[in-house]
Protein backbone atom coordinates (compact mmCIF):
# COMPACT_ATOMS: atom_id res chain seq x y z
CA MET A 1 -10.14 48.74 4.49
CA ASN A 2 -6.60 48.23 4.82
CA GLU A 3 -4.55 45.04 2.73
CA TYR A 4 -1.06 44.90 2.03
CA GLN A 5 1.28 42.70 -0.15
CA ILE A 6 3.90 41.07 1.63
CA THR A 7 5.59 38.69 -0.89
CA THR A 8 6.84 40.97 -4.10
CA THR A 9 9.47 38.25 -5.81
CA PRO A 10 8.52 36.81 -8.99
CA ARG A 11 7.90 33.45 -8.05
CA HIS A 12 4.91 31.48 -6.55
CA HIS A 13 4.24 31.54 -3.02
CA GLN A 14 2.24 29.13 -1.08
CA LEU A 15 0.60 29.33 2.34
CA THR A 16 -0.97 26.14 4.30
CA ASN A 17 -4.38 26.54 5.39
CA ILE A 18 -3.92 26.65 8.97
CA ASN A 19 -0.83 27.53 11.87
CA VAL A 20 0.85 29.95 9.17
CA TRP A 21 1.53 32.75 11.50
CA THR A 22 4.31 32.41 14.38
CA PRO A 23 2.63 32.87 18.10
CA ASP A 24 3.77 36.54 17.89
CA SER A 25 1.80 37.09 15.05
CA GLN A 26 5.01 38.63 13.14
CA TRP A 27 6.17 36.17 10.36
CA LEU A 28 4.36 34.27 8.09
CA VAL A 29 5.49 30.57 6.73
CA TYR A 30 5.20 29.87 3.26
CA ASP A 31 6.70 27.52 0.39
CA VAL A 32 8.06 28.30 -2.79
CA ARG A 33 6.52 26.19 -5.77
CA PRO A 34 6.11 27.18 -9.04
CA GLN A 35 2.27 26.60 -9.12
CA GLY A 36 0.46 25.33 -6.46
CA SER A 37 0.00 21.23 -7.67
CA SER A 38 3.44 20.63 -8.41
CA PHE A 39 5.81 19.51 -5.63
CA ILE A 40 8.77 20.94 -6.54
CA GLY A 41 9.80 23.75 -4.12
CA LYS A 42 13.17 23.99 -2.73
CA THR A 43 12.71 26.03 -0.01
CA ILE A 44 10.71 26.91 3.59
CA GLU A 45 10.90 30.27 4.36
CA LYS A 46 9.29 33.15 6.31
CA ILE A 47 8.68 36.78 5.75
CA HIS A 48 7.66 39.43 8.61
CA VAL A 49 4.80 40.96 7.68
CA ASN A 50 5.89 44.41 8.88
CA THR A 51 9.31 44.86 7.70
CA THR A 52 9.26 41.87 4.85
CA GLU A 53 12.27 40.57 5.86
CA ILE A 54 12.61 37.27 4.53
CA ARG A 55 14.64 33.95 6.17
CA GLU A 56 15.10 30.67 4.89
CA ILE A 57 14.17 28.42 7.27
CA TYR A 58 15.10 25.35 5.29
CA ARG A 59 16.63 24.08 1.90
CA GLY A 60 16.12 20.79 0.49
CA THR A 61 19.45 18.92 -0.07
CA ALA A 62 19.88 15.59 -2.06
CA GLY A 63 17.13 16.37 -4.73
CA ALA A 64 14.56 16.43 -2.02
CA CYS A 65 11.81 19.32 -2.38
CA VAL A 66 9.71 20.69 0.55
CA GLY A 67 6.93 22.35 0.98
CA VAL A 68 3.47 23.03 3.16
CA VAL A 69 4.90 24.32 5.91
CA THR A 70 3.00 24.96 9.70
CA VAL A 71 3.93 26.23 12.86
CA SER A 72 3.75 25.14 16.45
CA PRO A 73 1.19 27.20 18.07
CA GLN A 74 3.53 27.14 21.18
CA LEU A 75 6.96 28.44 21.95
CA PRO A 76 9.55 27.15 21.30
CA VAL A 77 8.83 27.91 17.12
CA ARG A 78 9.21 25.26 15.52
CA TYR A 79 7.90 24.29 11.64
CA ALA A 80 6.51 20.95 10.63
CA PHE A 81 6.69 20.33 6.74
CA ILE A 82 6.63 17.61 4.04
CA ARG A 83 9.82 16.43 2.50
CA GLY A 84 10.24 14.10 -0.71
CA PRO A 85 12.62 11.29 -1.42
CA LEU A 86 16.33 12.32 -0.61
CA ASN A 87 18.10 11.11 -3.94
CA PRO A 88 14.78 10.02 -5.97
CA ASP A 89 15.73 8.17 -8.88
CA PRO A 90 13.10 6.58 -11.72
CA GLN A 91 12.42 3.92 -8.95
CA TRP A 92 11.79 6.25 -6.12
CA GLN A 93 9.92 9.23 -6.86
CA TYR A 94 7.77 11.93 -4.74
CA ASP A 95 4.27 10.55 -4.52
CA PHE A 96 1.38 10.45 -1.59
CA HIS A 97 3.25 7.36 -0.32
CA HIS A 98 6.59 8.26 -0.38
CA ARG A 99 6.99 11.73 1.50
CA GLN A 100 7.70 12.38 5.03
CA GLY A 101 7.18 14.60 7.60
CA VAL A 102 10.14 16.69 9.08
CA MET A 103 10.70 19.24 11.64
CA VAL A 104 12.96 22.41 12.02
CA SER A 105 13.52 24.68 14.96
CA ASP A 106 14.15 28.36 15.43
CA ASP A 107 16.73 27.20 17.42
CA VAL A 108 19.03 25.42 15.38
CA PRO A 109 17.64 26.79 12.13
CA GLY A 110 18.44 24.58 9.02
CA VAL A 111 18.59 21.40 10.75
CA ALA A 112 15.57 18.79 9.70
CA HIS A 113 14.44 16.21 12.36
CA ASN A 114 12.27 13.25 11.05
CA ILE A 115 8.97 13.35 12.27
CA ASP A 116 7.95 9.47 11.44
CA ALA A 117 9.42 6.59 11.40
CA PHE A 118 9.67 4.66 7.94
CA CYS A 119 9.87 0.79 7.83
CA ILE A 120 8.85 -1.30 4.92
CA THR A 121 10.69 -4.58 5.61
CA PRO A 122 8.57 -7.25 7.52
CA PRO A 123 8.79 -7.63 10.03
CA TYR A 124 6.80 -4.27 10.54
CA GLN A 125 7.22 -1.94 13.41
CA PRO A 126 4.83 -0.41 15.48
CA GLY A 127 5.67 3.16 15.69
CA ALA A 128 7.12 3.61 12.25
CA LEU A 129 4.94 4.08 9.30
CA ARG A 130 5.39 2.44 5.93
CA GLY A 131 4.55 5.49 3.61
CA GLY A 132 4.23 8.84 2.98
CA THR A 133 2.45 11.82 5.51
CA HIS A 134 0.84 15.02 4.75
CA VAL A 135 -0.27 18.07 6.17
CA HIS A 136 1.49 17.91 9.52
CA VAL A 137 -0.58 20.07 12.01
CA PHE A 138 0.44 20.64 16.00
CA SER A 139 -2.02 19.99 18.29
CA PRO A 140 -3.23 23.17 20.19
CA ASP A 141 -0.20 22.49 22.99
CA GLY A 142 2.27 21.87 20.33
CA GLU A 143 3.26 18.50 21.63
CA TRP A 144 1.60 16.55 18.92
CA LEU A 145 0.93 16.38 15.21
CA SER A 146 -2.16 15.18 12.76
CA PHE A 147 -1.45 14.20 9.48
CA THR A 148 -2.94 12.28 6.68
CA TYR A 149 -1.26 9.03 5.65
CA ASN A 150 -1.00 6.76 2.67
CA ASP A 151 0.88 3.31 2.73
CA HIS A 152 3.47 2.22 0.55
CA VAL A 153 3.02 -1.43 1.33
CA LEU A 154 -0.21 -1.47 0.29
CA HIS A 155 0.01 0.82 -2.62
CA GLU A 156 3.02 -2.04 -4.20
CA ARG A 157 0.42 -4.72 -3.48
CA ASP A 158 -2.55 -3.06 -5.08
CA PRO A 159 -3.29 0.93 -5.50
CA ALA A 160 -6.74 0.71 -4.96
CA LEU A 161 -5.90 -0.81 -1.03
CA ASP A 162 -3.79 2.28 -0.50
CA LEU A 163 -6.63 4.32 1.43
CA ARG A 164 -6.06 7.72 2.80
CA ASN A 165 -6.30 7.61 6.87
CA VAL A 166 -5.63 10.35 9.52
CA ALA A 167 -2.34 9.48 11.73
CA VAL A 168 -0.89 11.20 14.52
CA ALA A 169 2.50 11.62 15.82
CA VAL A 170 2.78 11.23 19.85
CA PRO A 171 5.98 12.30 21.92
CA LEU A 172 6.18 8.76 23.55
CA HIS A 173 9.85 8.07 22.01
CA PRO A 174 12.14 7.80 19.23
CA VAL A 175 11.66 4.82 16.64
CA CYS A 176 14.86 3.01 15.21
CA THR A 177 14.20 0.95 12.38
CA GLY A 178 16.37 -1.80 11.25
CA LYS A 179 17.07 -0.19 7.97
CA HIS A 180 16.70 -3.49 5.63
CA HIS A 181 16.12 -1.09 2.81
CA PRO A 182 18.01 1.52 1.61
CA ARG A 183 14.87 3.98 2.19
CA GLU A 184 14.15 3.19 5.77
CA TYR A 185 14.60 5.78 8.25
CA ASP A 186 14.17 6.78 11.90
CA GLY A 187 11.80 9.25 13.47
CA GLU A 188 11.43 11.28 16.61
CA PHE A 189 7.75 10.65 17.41
CA PHE A 190 5.78 7.40 17.87
CA CYS A 191 3.50 7.43 14.91
CA CYS A 192 0.29 5.50 14.47
CA VAL A 193 -2.69 5.67 12.33
CA VAL A 194 -6.16 6.45 14.32
CA SER A 195 -8.88 5.70 11.77
CA ARG A 196 -10.63 2.88 10.19
CA THR A 197 -11.25 2.57 6.56
CA THR A 198 -11.97 -0.25 4.25
CA PRO A 199 -11.75 -0.49 0.44
CA ALA A 200 -15.66 -1.31 0.00
CA PRO A 201 -17.83 0.16 2.51
CA GLN A 202 -21.57 -1.10 2.89
CA PRO A 203 -24.09 0.95 1.28
CA GLY A 204 -25.85 2.77 4.13
CA SER A 205 -23.44 2.29 6.73
CA ASP A 206 -20.92 4.41 9.12
CA GLU A 207 -18.03 2.54 6.62
CA ILE A 208 -15.39 4.99 4.98
CA SER A 209 -13.32 4.33 2.39
CA ARG A 210 -10.97 7.33 2.90
CA ALA A 211 -10.27 9.66 5.96
CA TYR A 212 -8.93 13.00 5.45
CA GLU A 213 -8.71 16.91 5.70
CA GLU A 214 -8.85 16.30 9.49
CA GLY A 215 -8.50 18.93 12.43
CA TRP A 216 -7.87 19.01 16.10
CA ILE A 217 -11.00 19.31 18.77
CA GLY A 218 -10.49 22.35 21.04
CA GLU A 219 -7.68 23.81 22.33
CA GLN A 220 -8.71 21.27 25.12
CA GLY A 221 -10.50 18.90 23.34
CA TYR A 222 -14.23 18.73 23.99
CA LEU A 223 -16.99 18.28 26.61
CA ARG A 224 -18.61 14.81 26.74
CA ALA A 225 -22.59 14.56 27.36
CA ASP A 226 -21.64 13.72 30.79
CA GLY A 227 -19.95 16.97 31.48
CA SER A 228 -16.17 14.77 31.60
CA ARG A 229 -13.51 16.44 29.55
CA GLN A 230 -12.17 14.53 26.39
CA ARG A 231 -8.58 15.81 26.26
CA ARG A 232 -7.72 15.09 22.59
CA ALA A 233 -9.86 14.66 19.81
CA ILE A 234 -9.67 15.07 15.92
CA ALA A 235 -12.49 15.38 13.11
CA PHE A 236 -12.06 14.57 9.77
CA ILE A 237 -14.26 13.43 6.91
CA GLY A 238 -14.79 10.22 5.83
CA ASP A 239 -16.32 8.98 2.83
CA THR A 240 -19.40 6.73 3.11
CA ARG A 241 -21.50 5.17 0.93
CA SER A 242 -24.96 5.81 0.13
CA GLU A 243 -27.74 3.05 -0.64
CA ASN A 244 -27.27 3.74 -4.38
CA ASP A 245 -23.57 3.23 -3.28
CA GLU A 246 -22.89 7.18 -4.46
CA VAL A 247 -19.92 8.48 -2.37
CA ILE A 248 -21.23 10.76 0.47
CA PRO A 249 -18.35 12.54 2.62
CA GLU A 250 -19.60 13.39 6.40
CA ILE A 251 -18.12 14.54 9.55
CA PHE A 252 -16.67 11.80 12.05
CA ARG A 253 -14.99 12.06 14.95
CA LEU A 254 -11.82 10.40 16.69
CA ASP A 255 -11.48 10.03 20.50
CA LEU A 256 -7.92 9.49 21.38
CA PRO A 257 -6.15 8.43 24.17
CA GLU A 258 -4.49 11.16 26.68
CA ARG A 259 -1.44 9.45 27.48
CA PRO A 260 1.48 9.15 25.44
CA GLU A 261 2.57 5.06 26.27
CA ASP A 262 -1.18 4.05 25.42
CA TYR A 263 -0.49 4.59 21.75
CA ALA A 264 1.88 1.42 21.78
CA VAL A 265 -0.92 -0.57 22.85
CA ALA A 266 -2.30 -2.71 19.97
CA GLY A 267 -6.08 -2.67 19.66
CA ASP A 268 -7.82 -5.79 17.74
CA LEU A 269 -5.19 -5.40 14.77
CA PRO A 270 -1.76 -4.78 14.36
CA LEU A 271 -0.46 -1.35 15.03
CA GLU A 272 2.17 -1.81 12.37
CA GLY A 273 -0.24 -3.58 9.89
CA THR A 274 0.43 -6.32 7.87
CA ASP A 275 1.38 -7.47 4.21
CA SER A 276 -2.29 -7.05 3.38
CA THR A 277 -4.02 -4.77 6.01
CA MET A 278 -3.28 -1.09 6.80
CA PRO A 279 -1.39 -0.37 10.21
CA ALA A 280 -4.49 -0.08 12.83
CA PRO A 281 -5.15 2.47 15.46
CA PRO A 282 -4.10 1.47 19.16
CA ALA A 283 -6.83 0.38 22.10
CA GLY A 284 -8.62 3.30 23.30
CA VAL A 285 -9.13 4.92 20.27
CA SER A 286 -12.94 5.10 19.05
CA GLN A 287 -14.18 6.74 15.79
CA THR A 288 -17.78 8.02 15.37
CA ARG A 289 -20.04 9.56 12.85
CA LEU A 290 -21.44 13.06 13.23
CA THR A 291 -23.37 13.67 10.39
CA PHE A 292 -25.95 12.27 8.38
CA THR A 293 -26.73 13.78 5.21
CA HIS A 294 -27.67 11.18 2.62
CA HIS A 295 -31.70 12.36 3.01
CA ARG A 296 -30.53 15.87 1.91
CA ARG A 297 -31.38 17.47 -1.35
CA TYR A 298 -27.36 17.90 -2.15
CA PRO A 299 -26.10 15.31 0.57
CA GLY A 300 -22.88 15.17 1.92
CA LEU A 301 -20.10 17.74 2.39
CA ALA A 302 -18.89 20.22 -0.21
CA LYS A 303 -16.64 18.65 -2.68
CA GLN A 304 -15.56 22.26 -3.85
CA PRO A 305 -13.62 24.23 -2.87
CA ARG A 306 -11.16 21.93 -0.69
CA PHE A 307 -11.35 23.09 2.92
CA TRP A 308 -10.39 21.26 6.08
CA LEU A 309 -12.65 20.53 9.32
CA ARG A 310 -11.95 23.37 11.90
CA SER A 311 -13.02 23.42 15.25
CA SER A 312 -13.75 26.62 17.42
CA PRO A 313 -11.03 27.24 20.38
CA GLN A 314 -13.79 26.01 22.76
CA GLY A 315 -14.16 22.88 21.19
CA ASP A 316 -18.16 22.94 21.13
CA LYS A 317 -18.25 23.54 17.19
CA ILE A 318 -16.48 22.06 14.33
CA ALA A 319 -17.10 24.50 11.00
CA PHE A 320 -17.39 22.49 7.77
CA LEU A 321 -19.02 23.64 4.15
CA MET A 322 -22.22 21.81 2.68
CA GLN A 323 -24.58 22.92 0.37
CA ASP A 324 -27.76 24.41 1.31
CA ASP A 325 -31.02 22.98 -0.76
CA GLN A 326 -30.40 26.06 -3.72
CA GLY A 327 -26.93 24.17 -4.27
CA ILE A 328 -25.31 27.00 -2.55
CA VAL A 329 -21.82 26.25 -0.68
CA GLN A 330 -22.54 27.81 2.91
CA LEU A 331 -20.51 27.58 6.03
CA TRP A 332 -22.16 25.13 9.06
CA THR A 333 -21.20 23.94 12.62
CA ILE A 334 -22.19 20.89 14.18
CA SER A 335 -21.30 20.20 17.91
CA PRO A 336 -18.75 17.69 18.55
CA LEU A 337 -21.41 15.08 20.18
CA GLY A 338 -23.50 15.22 16.90
CA GLY A 339 -26.86 16.22 16.71
CA GLU A 340 -28.51 18.89 14.59
CA VAL A 341 -26.09 20.83 12.29
CA HIS A 342 -26.16 24.71 12.39
CA GLN A 343 -26.45 26.95 9.18
CA VAL A 344 -23.89 30.19 9.74
CA THR A 345 -24.19 31.86 6.36
CA SER A 346 -26.93 32.18 3.84
CA GLY A 347 -27.34 34.25 0.56
CA SER A 348 -26.91 33.63 -3.15
CA ASP A 349 -23.10 33.66 -3.38
CA SER A 350 -20.77 30.05 -2.45
CA ILE A 351 -18.00 30.21 0.06
CA GLU A 352 -14.98 30.05 -2.51
CA SER A 353 -12.23 29.05 0.17
CA ALA A 354 -11.00 27.34 3.57
CA PHE A 355 -11.60 28.77 6.44
CA SER A 356 -10.13 29.53 9.62
CA TRP A 357 -11.13 30.77 13.03
CA ASP A 358 -10.01 33.63 15.29
CA SER A 359 -9.01 32.84 18.67
CA THR A 360 -12.02 33.89 20.50
CA GLY A 361 -13.86 31.22 18.61
CA ARG A 362 -16.57 34.59 17.68
CA TYR A 363 -15.27 34.64 13.83
CA LEU A 364 -14.23 32.75 10.64
CA THR A 365 -12.71 34.07 7.80
CA PHE A 366 -13.61 32.85 4.17
CA VAL A 367 -13.08 34.21 0.50
CA ARG A 368 -16.80 34.81 -1.09
CA LYS A 369 -17.86 36.82 -4.11
CA GLY A 370 -13.61 37.04 -4.59
CA LEU A 371 -13.79 38.78 -1.07
CA VAL A 372 -11.85 37.96 2.04
CA MET A 373 -14.53 37.86 4.50
CA VAL A 374 -15.05 37.83 8.32
CA CYS A 375 -18.31 36.09 9.27
CA CYS A 376 -19.91 36.39 12.95
CA ALA A 377 -19.51 32.47 13.80
CA GLU A 378 -23.53 33.13 15.76
CA THR A 379 -25.29 35.69 13.53
CA GLY A 380 -23.61 34.85 9.92
CA VAL A 381 -23.30 38.32 9.55
CA CYS A 382 -20.32 38.84 7.37
CA ARG A 383 -18.15 42.03 6.49
CA ALA A 384 -15.50 42.23 3.28
CA VAL A 385 -11.77 43.19 4.51
CA THR A 386 -10.40 43.57 1.05
CA ALA A 387 -11.55 45.79 -1.81
CA PRO A 388 -12.67 43.91 -5.17
CA SER A 389 -9.68 43.27 -7.49
CA ALA A 390 -9.55 41.80 -10.81
CA GLU A 391 -6.64 39.90 -9.27
CA PRO A 392 -8.01 36.83 -8.00
CA VAL A 393 -8.05 35.50 -4.38
CA SER A 394 -6.48 32.23 -4.03
CA GLY A 395 -8.91 29.39 -2.27
CA ASP A 396 -6.10 27.69 -0.73
CA ALA A 397 -5.64 29.40 2.27
CA VAL A 398 -7.36 32.25 4.41
CA VAL A 399 -6.17 32.06 8.19
CA PHE A 400 -6.26 34.66 11.04
CA SER A 401 -3.05 35.90 13.15
CA PRO A 402 -2.90 34.47 16.74
CA ASP A 403 -3.76 38.20 17.63
CA ASN A 404 -6.81 38.32 15.34
CA SER A 405 -5.93 41.45 14.11
CA ARG A 406 -4.84 40.34 10.65
CA VAL A 407 -6.00 37.70 7.94
CA ALA A 408 -3.12 36.14 5.38
CA PHE A 409 -4.25 35.49 2.27
CA LEU A 410 -3.04 34.56 -1.24
CA ARG A 411 -3.82 36.40 -4.43
CA ARG A 412 -2.41 36.09 -8.09
CA THR A 413 -0.42 39.51 -8.39
CA ASN A 414 1.13 40.37 -12.27
CA GLY A 415 1.01 36.66 -12.72
CA TRP A 416 2.44 35.39 -9.54
CA GLN A 417 0.69 34.11 -6.15
CA GLN A 418 1.57 36.49 -3.91
CA ILE A 419 0.73 36.50 -0.16
CA TRP A 420 -1.26 39.82 1.26
CA VAL A 421 -2.73 40.46 4.59
CA ALA A 422 -5.92 42.65 5.27
CA ASP A 423 -6.67 44.13 8.48
CA THR A 424 -9.71 42.58 10.50
CA GLY A 425 -10.89 45.57 12.75
CA LEU A 426 -11.18 42.82 15.65
């Protein structure tokens, strides 16, 4: 086993759960914050895994904190991350509904461009959002981004109406707002909410109160039952209600229009939302439930550890975590077409982390028994690529490099969360 500590400075380092490697598998990107749940980091950085050279990608200005960075999988290399409010004050602090996505390119380091536009004064504007965005993940072609969304307008009306949703940034055209409020700003992408939620789902129905932990399906989408290709699609977790009104997380699929111009076409409700309703999906977006686990001994997807749905590169399998009948958290897969779920792992020890696929779709990596594992998706056979250690491995992120030769992970070392890598042997 070969594992190496990459960062050594006495501070907390945080990897995002996906897209943390540059396409050449040479650099890892991260943010710096005192502890994982806080959001007071000031820099986005990258470190070379062989030389340990550190380069600053972006430094927050005007009191804005930054974090949760991902890398474009294609060239030119771009970095997307959250930025909190500029010049925060007691009335406008960092919160789920007060944050934005920004992007920095290697071509112009240190210069941030807004991903999403922000408009909170009527008339609300199609293509602009009214709240905060989080975990910005590039599509496999590097052209679009997905993220979760919380709404400022509804939060001000009643926080119970501010339901988390899934949204996308589409390269249609930049969006300019009227800037009738000092906090409004323009964005370089046309952004839309694409999931549908309701504050009080009908028990036993496919309605959901929350959409979250999304992932793009396939490098080229997935094959429909008739053999045609759905080019752009997203899987996400949606909170349903059982017949006894228990919250049951299930898997849903969003089929998205392929052409950017289609996102400017409203569906049955306004794209931009109203004073009392969330921004609504464009015409042509469909939301389909894939799992039905209410009848299981332990219904629903695993609520711990926190994880995100991740599709195989081929788009034929969506991986997720769920308890088996003994209450052990195992890794499972399901087709994007739905149907029966397939249990990949077995044994007496729960998976303890988020996970990722390798680029071939043959292997996944995660933490189990405190060890970083590489698991065959077909057989479920796992092997450890790290040795037992008294220093705990974090469950936040376990991510294959694009060339599959290494896995990046986080381990608390001498009191600080540091970035490590392990050779995979693949």
